[in-house]
Amino acid sequence: MKTYFDFPTTDGTAISVISFTGKDSVIPHCHSYYEFALITRGSCKHTFKGVTTLLVPGDVFLIPPHQVHSYELQSEVTIINCHFYPEKMGADWNKMLETVTSDANISSGSENIKYQWDSLLQYVTLIESPTDSSASITDQEIQGILHLNSLEASHVESLLNSMVDEQTKKDMGVEYVKAAYLQVILVIFNRVQIKKYTQLCNYSDRKRELIYDAISYIEAHLDEDISFSQIAQNVNLSPSYFRAIFKDVTGLTPIAYLNRMRIVKSLEYLEYEGLSIADAAGKVGIYDANYYSRLFKKVMGYSPRYFKKIN
């Protein structure tokens, strides 16, 4: 039997934004509403669609109604969750239209609003668009994870914080303002998704497979000196072209992806094996403690010393 979570009511509207900070994992569950989550600090493992993947700041995912998912928190993490009922927002807009127009035939406007929400969500499911290929896909692609760059993540976080302000103040029209913010956020996700899909279509299945092979190699050799120029040469690509394909496929440059995986792997050494910061850094191929600390804070949002302290 599925475990259903209730809608987290905040102000009586069909949208609720909750910022969560903590270390407690969340059991497998589902809900009757949509939810998207933005990781802003720390790291966690997210299980959805039969796979588990690591998430760090900038990662975002959307869960449709009645889909089971869960979190395993590796460290203190901050996640901003937005829960919403699109169908109820259509009704809210219908009520507003009735107050500002004398037109009795308002039902068509309501249907148009519902169509707008349905259309927007259709293209922002965050699930990779299907292709005719048999190319491999990563766990993040199976789950529909998007990685926002720093500007995109900051913009979305700012909009979410504005929604929190609205639901705290509970001023007149809060439901419409929050719905407008939500639409902007979904459009941002939509644009990121379309851009990524468009870029992927520029490459053959074989070239995408080369990137997946490179990802597997990186994850298996985190403690070694990895040369992306050599990897590119091994598959007969120029270093610049390899970097371009890698970023289009993963959303990150090769070095950014390597750094991300090294920091995430080092979390396991810090938490589960109790290694010192220097030893954990060395186990993932980083031998400059100061550089490791700067990189850790850039990826996680806090320092490794803070991580050791809270664990």
Protein backbone atom coordinates (compact mmCIF):
# COMPACT_ATOMS: atom_id res chain seq x y z
CA MET A 1 0.00 0.00 0.00
CA LYS A 2 1.30 3.43 -0.94
CA THR A 3 1.94 5.98 1.79
CA TYR A 4 0.28 9.28 0.89
CA PHE A 5 1.41 12.60 2.36
CA ASP A 6 -1.19 15.30 2.95
CA PHE A 7 -0.98 18.63 1.19
CA PRO A 8 1.05 21.02 3.42
CA THR A 9 -1.48 23.82 3.77
CA THR A 10 0.10 27.21 4.44
CA ASP A 11 -2.41 29.88 3.46
CA GLY A 12 -5.44 28.10 2.03
CA THR A 13 -4.25 28.37 -1.58
CA ALA A 14 -3.51 25.58 -4.07
CA ILE A 15 0.25 26.27 -3.83
CA SER A 16 2.47 25.65 -0.83
CA VAL A 17 6.21 26.39 -0.66
CA ILE A 18 8.16 24.79 2.17
CA SER A 19 11.90 25.19 2.80
CA PHE A 20 13.31 22.14 4.58
CA THR A 21 16.70 21.97 6.29
CA GLY A 22 17.76 18.85 8.13
CA LYS A 23 19.35 15.41 8.10
CA ASP A 24 16.31 13.14 8.47
CA SER A 25 15.61 10.89 5.50
CA VAL A 26 12.10 10.75 4.02
CA ILE A 27 10.35 7.38 3.60
CA PRO A 28 8.96 6.24 0.24
CA HIS A 29 5.75 8.16 -0.29
CA CYS A 30 3.52 9.81 -2.84
CA HIS A 31 0.88 12.53 -2.95
CA SER A 32 -2.16 13.55 -4.95
CA TYR A 33 -0.58 16.86 -6.03
CA TYR A 34 2.46 17.94 -8.03
CA GLU A 35 5.73 18.66 -6.28
CA PHE A 36 9.02 20.07 -7.47
CA ALA A 37 12.11 20.36 -5.33
CA LEU A 38 15.21 22.50 -5.67
CA ILE A 39 18.35 21.49 -3.78
CA THR A 40 20.01 24.68 -2.52
CA ARG A 41 22.51 23.34 0.01
CA GLY A 42 24.03 19.99 0.88
CA SER A 43 23.50 16.61 -0.77
CA CYS A 44 21.00 13.77 -0.75
CA LYS A 45 20.15 10.55 -2.55
CA HIS A 46 16.82 10.57 -4.35
CA THR A 47 15.02 7.37 -5.31
CA PHE A 48 12.43 7.58 -8.08
CA LYS A 49 11.44 5.44 -11.07
CA GLY A 50 13.46 2.50 -9.80
CA VAL A 51 16.83 4.26 -9.58
CA THR A 52 18.71 6.21 -6.93
CA THR A 53 20.78 9.23 -7.85
CA LEU A 54 22.86 11.79 -5.99
CA LEU A 55 21.64 15.37 -5.91
CA VAL A 56 23.59 18.53 -5.08
CA PRO A 57 22.75 22.26 -5.11
CA GLY A 58 21.27 23.37 -8.41
CA ASP A 59 19.50 20.06 -9.06
CA VAL A 60 15.73 20.17 -9.49
CA PHE A 61 13.11 17.51 -10.13
CA LEU A 62 9.35 17.34 -10.53
CA ILE A 63 7.16 14.54 -9.14
CA PRO A 64 3.71 14.05 -10.72
CA PRO A 65 0.76 12.93 -8.57
CA HIS A 66 0.68 9.34 -7.27
CA GLN A 67 4.36 8.64 -8.04
CA VAL A 68 6.43 7.09 -5.21
CA HIS A 69 9.77 8.66 -4.31
CA SER A 70 12.02 9.02 -1.27
CA TYR A 71 15.11 10.83 0.05
CA GLU A 72 18.17 9.49 1.83
CA LEU A 73 20.03 12.41 3.35
CA GLN A 74 23.80 12.03 3.45
CA SER A 75 24.36 15.35 5.15
CA GLU A 76 22.45 18.40 6.27
CA VAL A 77 20.56 19.50 3.20
CA THR A 78 18.30 22.39 2.31
CA ILE A 79 15.51 21.63 -0.12
CA ILE A 80 12.82 24.05 -1.23
CA ASN A 81 9.66 22.12 -2.08
CA CYS A 82 6.78 23.58 -4.04
CA HIS A 83 3.52 21.62 -3.88
CA PHE A 84 0.59 22.55 -6.11
CA TYR A 85 -2.77 21.53 -7.59
CA PRO A 86 -3.00 22.94 -11.16
CA GLU A 87 -6.71 22.12 -11.43
CA LYS A 88 -7.52 24.12 -8.30
CA MET A 89 -5.52 27.09 -9.59
CA GLY A 90 -7.77 27.12 -12.64
CA ALA A 91 -10.76 27.49 -10.32
CA ASP A 92 -9.03 30.32 -8.45
CA TRP A 93 -8.46 32.23 -11.66
CA ASN A 94 -12.06 31.67 -12.65
CA LYS A 95 -13.19 33.29 -9.37
CA MET A 96 -10.95 36.28 -10.00
CA LEU A 97 -12.31 36.72 -13.52
CA GLU A 98 -15.85 36.73 -12.15
CA THR A 99 -14.95 39.69 -9.89
CA VAL A 100 -13.47 41.82 -12.66
CA THR A 101 -15.81 41.16 -15.58
CA SER A 102 -19.55 41.36 -16.15
CA ASP A 103 -19.43 38.61 -18.77
CA ALA A 104 -21.59 35.76 -17.52
CA ASN A 105 -20.09 33.29 -19.97
CA ILE A 106 -16.90 32.72 -17.99
CA SER A 107 -16.58 28.94 -18.38
CA SER A 108 -14.53 29.19 -21.57
CA GLY A 109 -12.02 31.35 -19.76
CA SER A 110 -11.74 28.73 -17.07
CA GLU A 111 -11.14 26.04 -19.67
CA ASN A 112 -8.46 28.15 -21.31
CA ILE A 113 -6.68 28.58 -17.98
CA LYS A 114 -6.81 24.85 -17.32
CA TYR A 115 -5.42 24.24 -20.81
CA GLN A 116 -2.57 26.66 -20.15
CA TRP A 117 -1.56 24.81 -16.96
CA ASP A 118 -1.90 21.40 -18.61
CA SER A 119 0.20 22.54 -21.57
CA LEU A 120 2.87 24.05 -19.36
CA LEU A 121 3.17 20.92 -17.22
CA GLN A 122 3.19 18.69 -20.29
CA TYR A 123 6.42 20.29 -21.46
CA VAL A 124 8.02 20.65 -18.07
CA THR A 125 7.73 17.09 -16.76
CA LEU A 126 11.53 17.15 -16.54
CA ILE A 127 11.61 13.74 -18.20
CA GLU A 128 13.92 13.38 -21.18
CA SER A 129 12.07 13.61 -24.47
CA PRO A 130 12.00 10.23 -26.23
CA THR A 131 14.30 9.60 -29.16
CA ASP A 132 14.52 6.86 -31.75
CA SER A 133 17.87 5.77 -30.35
CA SER A 134 18.89 2.93 -28.08
CA ALA A 135 21.58 5.05 -26.45
CA SER A 136 22.21 4.67 -22.76
CA ILE A 137 20.85 7.22 -20.34
CA THR A 138 22.02 8.18 -16.90
CA ASP A 139 20.07 7.70 -13.67
CA GLN A 140 19.56 11.47 -13.54
CA GLU A 141 17.96 11.36 -16.98
CA ILE A 142 15.70 8.48 -15.95
CA GLN A 143 14.49 10.57 -13.00
CA GLY A 144 14.21 13.72 -15.12
CA ILE A 145 16.71 15.70 -13.07
CA LEU A 146 17.65 19.13 -14.37
CA HIS A 147 20.81 20.85 -13.21
CA LEU A 148 20.40 24.62 -13.19
CA ASN A 149 23.42 26.86 -13.57
CA SER A 150 24.15 29.33 -10.78
CA LEU A 151 22.15 32.17 -12.36
CA GLU A 152 19.14 29.96 -13.11
CA ALA A 153 19.21 28.43 -9.62
CA SER A 154 19.48 31.84 -7.95
CA HIS A 155 16.57 33.18 -10.02
CA VAL A 156 14.34 30.21 -9.17
CA GLU A 157 15.31 30.37 -5.48
CA SER A 158 14.47 34.09 -5.43
CA LEU A 159 11.04 33.43 -6.95
CA LEU A 160 10.37 30.68 -4.42
CA ASN A 161 11.35 32.98 -1.57
CA SER A 162 8.95 35.59 -2.94
CA MET A 163 6.21 32.96 -2.86
CA VAL A 164 7.07 32.22 0.78
CA ASP A 165 6.78 35.95 1.55
CA GLU A 166 3.36 36.04 -0.10
CA GLN A 167 2.01 33.07 1.84
CA THR A 168 3.39 34.52 5.08
CA LYS A 169 1.75 37.92 4.59
CA LYS A 170 -1.52 36.45 3.25
CA ASP A 171 -2.43 39.70 1.51
CA MET A 172 -5.36 39.97 -0.88
CA GLY A 173 -4.74 38.10 -4.13
CA VAL A 174 -1.99 35.88 -2.72
CA GLU A 175 -3.23 32.90 -4.73
CA TYR A 176 -2.85 34.79 -8.02
CA VAL A 177 0.58 36.20 -7.24
CA LYS A 178 1.90 32.79 -6.21
CA ALA A 179 0.42 31.20 -9.33
CA ALA A 180 2.15 33.83 -11.47
CA TYR A 181 5.50 33.14 -9.79
CA LEU A 182 4.98 29.41 -10.29
CA GLN A 183 4.28 29.87 -13.97
CA VAL A 184 7.52 31.83 -14.38
CA ILE A 185 9.45 29.04 -12.63
CA LEU A 186 7.90 26.35 -14.81
CA VAL A 187 8.73 28.37 -17.93
CA ILE A 188 12.38 28.56 -16.76
CA PHE A 189 12.42 24.77 -16.32
CA ASN A 190 10.78 24.40 -19.71
CA ARG A 191 13.41 26.55 -21.41
CA VAL A 192 16.27 24.66 -19.76
CA GLN A 193 14.75 21.33 -20.79
CA ILE A 194 14.12 22.39 -24.38
CA LYS A 195 17.62 23.81 -24.70
CA LYS A 196 19.13 20.56 -23.45
CA TYR A 197 16.99 18.42 -25.74
CA THR A 198 17.77 20.63 -28.73
CA GLN A 199 21.49 20.33 -28.02
CA LEU A 200 21.26 16.55 -27.65
CA CYS A 201 19.60 16.28 -31.06
CA ASN A 202 22.75 17.75 -32.60
CA TYR A 203 24.71 14.60 -31.78
CA SER A 204 24.56 11.03 -33.01
CA ASP A 205 23.84 8.11 -30.72
CA ARG A 206 27.49 7.12 -30.96
CA LYS A 207 28.73 10.49 -29.72
CA ARG A 208 26.32 10.47 -26.81
CA GLU A 209 27.48 6.95 -25.96
CA LEU A 210 31.05 8.25 -25.85
CA ILE A 211 30.02 10.74 -23.18
CA TYR A 212 28.27 8.06 -21.13
CA ASP A 213 31.41 5.95 -21.37
CA ALA A 214 33.44 8.95 -20.20
CA ILE A 215 31.08 9.41 -17.24
CA SER A 216 31.55 5.76 -16.26
CA TYR A 217 35.31 6.17 -16.51
CA ILE A 218 35.29 9.31 -14.36
CA GLU A 219 33.21 7.67 -11.64
CA ALA A 220 35.52 4.63 -11.58
CA HIS A 221 38.75 6.66 -11.41
CA LEU A 222 37.93 9.59 -9.11
CA ASP A 223 41.18 9.13 -7.16
CA GLU A 224 43.35 9.33 -10.27
CA ASP A 225 44.70 12.17 -12.37
CA ILE A 226 42.10 12.34 -15.13
CA SER A 227 43.08 13.91 -18.44
CA PHE A 228 40.08 14.94 -20.49
CA SER A 229 42.37 15.73 -23.40
CA GLN A 230 43.51 12.11 -23.34
CA ILE A 231 39.94 10.84 -23.09
CA ALA A 232 39.01 12.98 -26.09
CA GLN A 233 42.01 11.73 -28.03
CA ASN A 234 41.10 8.11 -27.28
CA VAL A 235 37.74 8.57 -29.01
CA ASN A 236 39.11 10.67 -31.86
CA LEU A 237 37.56 13.96 -30.79
CA SER A 238 39.22 17.29 -30.26
CA PRO A 239 39.32 18.39 -26.60
CA SER A 240 37.11 21.41 -27.32
CA TYR A 241 34.51 19.35 -29.18
CA PHE A 242 34.54 16.72 -26.43
CA ARG A 243 33.93 19.43 -23.83
CA ALA A 244 31.05 20.85 -25.88
CA ILE A 245 29.32 17.48 -26.25
CA PHE A 246 29.89 16.63 -22.57
CA LYS A 247 28.28 19.86 -21.39
CA ASP A 248 25.33 19.48 -23.75
CA VAL A 249 24.68 15.92 -22.54
CA THR A 250 25.22 16.43 -18.80
CA GLY A 251 24.62 20.16 -18.31
CA LEU A 252 28.09 20.44 -16.75
CA THR A 253 31.60 20.84 -18.10
CA PRO A 254 33.83 17.76 -17.69
CA ILE A 255 35.82 19.39 -14.86
CA ALA A 256 32.63 20.55 -13.10
CA TYR A 257 31.21 17.04 -13.32
CA LEU A 258 34.47 15.54 -12.02
CA ASN A 259 34.57 18.01 -9.12
CA ARG A 260 30.95 17.32 -8.26
CA MET A 261 31.48 13.55 -8.19
CA ARG A 262 34.68 13.87 -6.17
CA ILE A 263 32.97 15.95 -3.49
CA VAL A 264 29.93 13.68 -3.35
CA LYS A 265 32.17 10.59 -3.05
CA SER A 266 34.25 12.26 -0.35
CA LEU A 267 31.06 12.68 1.70
CA GLU A 268 30.93 8.92 2.11
CA TYR A 269 34.50 8.84 3.40
CA LEU A 270 33.80 11.68 5.83
CA GLU A 271 30.52 10.31 7.14
CA TYR A 272 30.67 6.53 6.93
CA GLU A 273 34.40 5.87 7.32
CA GLY A 274 35.12 8.79 9.64
CA LEU A 275 38.19 9.90 7.69
CA SER A 276 39.81 13.25 8.29
CA ILE A 277 39.19 16.01 5.78
CA ALA A 278 42.68 15.63 4.32
CA ASP A 279 42.36 11.84 4.00
CA ALA A 280 38.89 12.06 2.43
CA ALA A 281 40.21 14.60 -0.07
CA GLY A 282 43.16 12.36 -0.92
CA LYS A 283 40.87 9.37 -1.47
CA VAL A 284 39.20 11.28 -4.33
CA GLY A 285 42.43 12.54 -5.84
CA ILE A 286 42.62 16.01 -4.26
CA TYR A 287 45.80 16.58 -2.28
CA ASP A 288 45.56 20.31 -1.63
CA ALA A 289 43.43 20.69 1.51
CA ASN A 290 42.71 24.37 0.90
CA TYR A 291 41.59 23.68 -2.67
CA TYR A 292 39.42 20.81 -1.45
CA SER A 293 37.76 23.06 1.15
CA ARG A 294 37.01 25.75 -1.43
CA LEU A 295 35.64 23.18 -3.87
CA PHE A 296 33.57 21.48 -1.18
CA LYS A 297 31.94 24.77 -0.21
CA LYS A 298 31.29 25.66 -3.85
CA VAL A 299 29.52 22.35 -4.50
CA MET A 300 27.78 21.81 -1.15
CA GLY A 301 27.13 25.33 0.05
CA TYR A 302 29.08 24.90 3.31
CA SER A 303 32.60 23.92 4.38
CA PRO A 304 33.86 20.38 5.09
CA ARG A 305 34.61 21.44 8.67
CA TYR A 306 30.95 22.34 9.13
CA PHE A 307 29.97 18.99 7.63
CA LYS A 308 32.23 17.15 10.09
CA LYS A 309 30.80 19.19 12.95
CA ILE A 310 27.17 18.39 12.23
CA ASN A 311 27.92 14.73 11.64
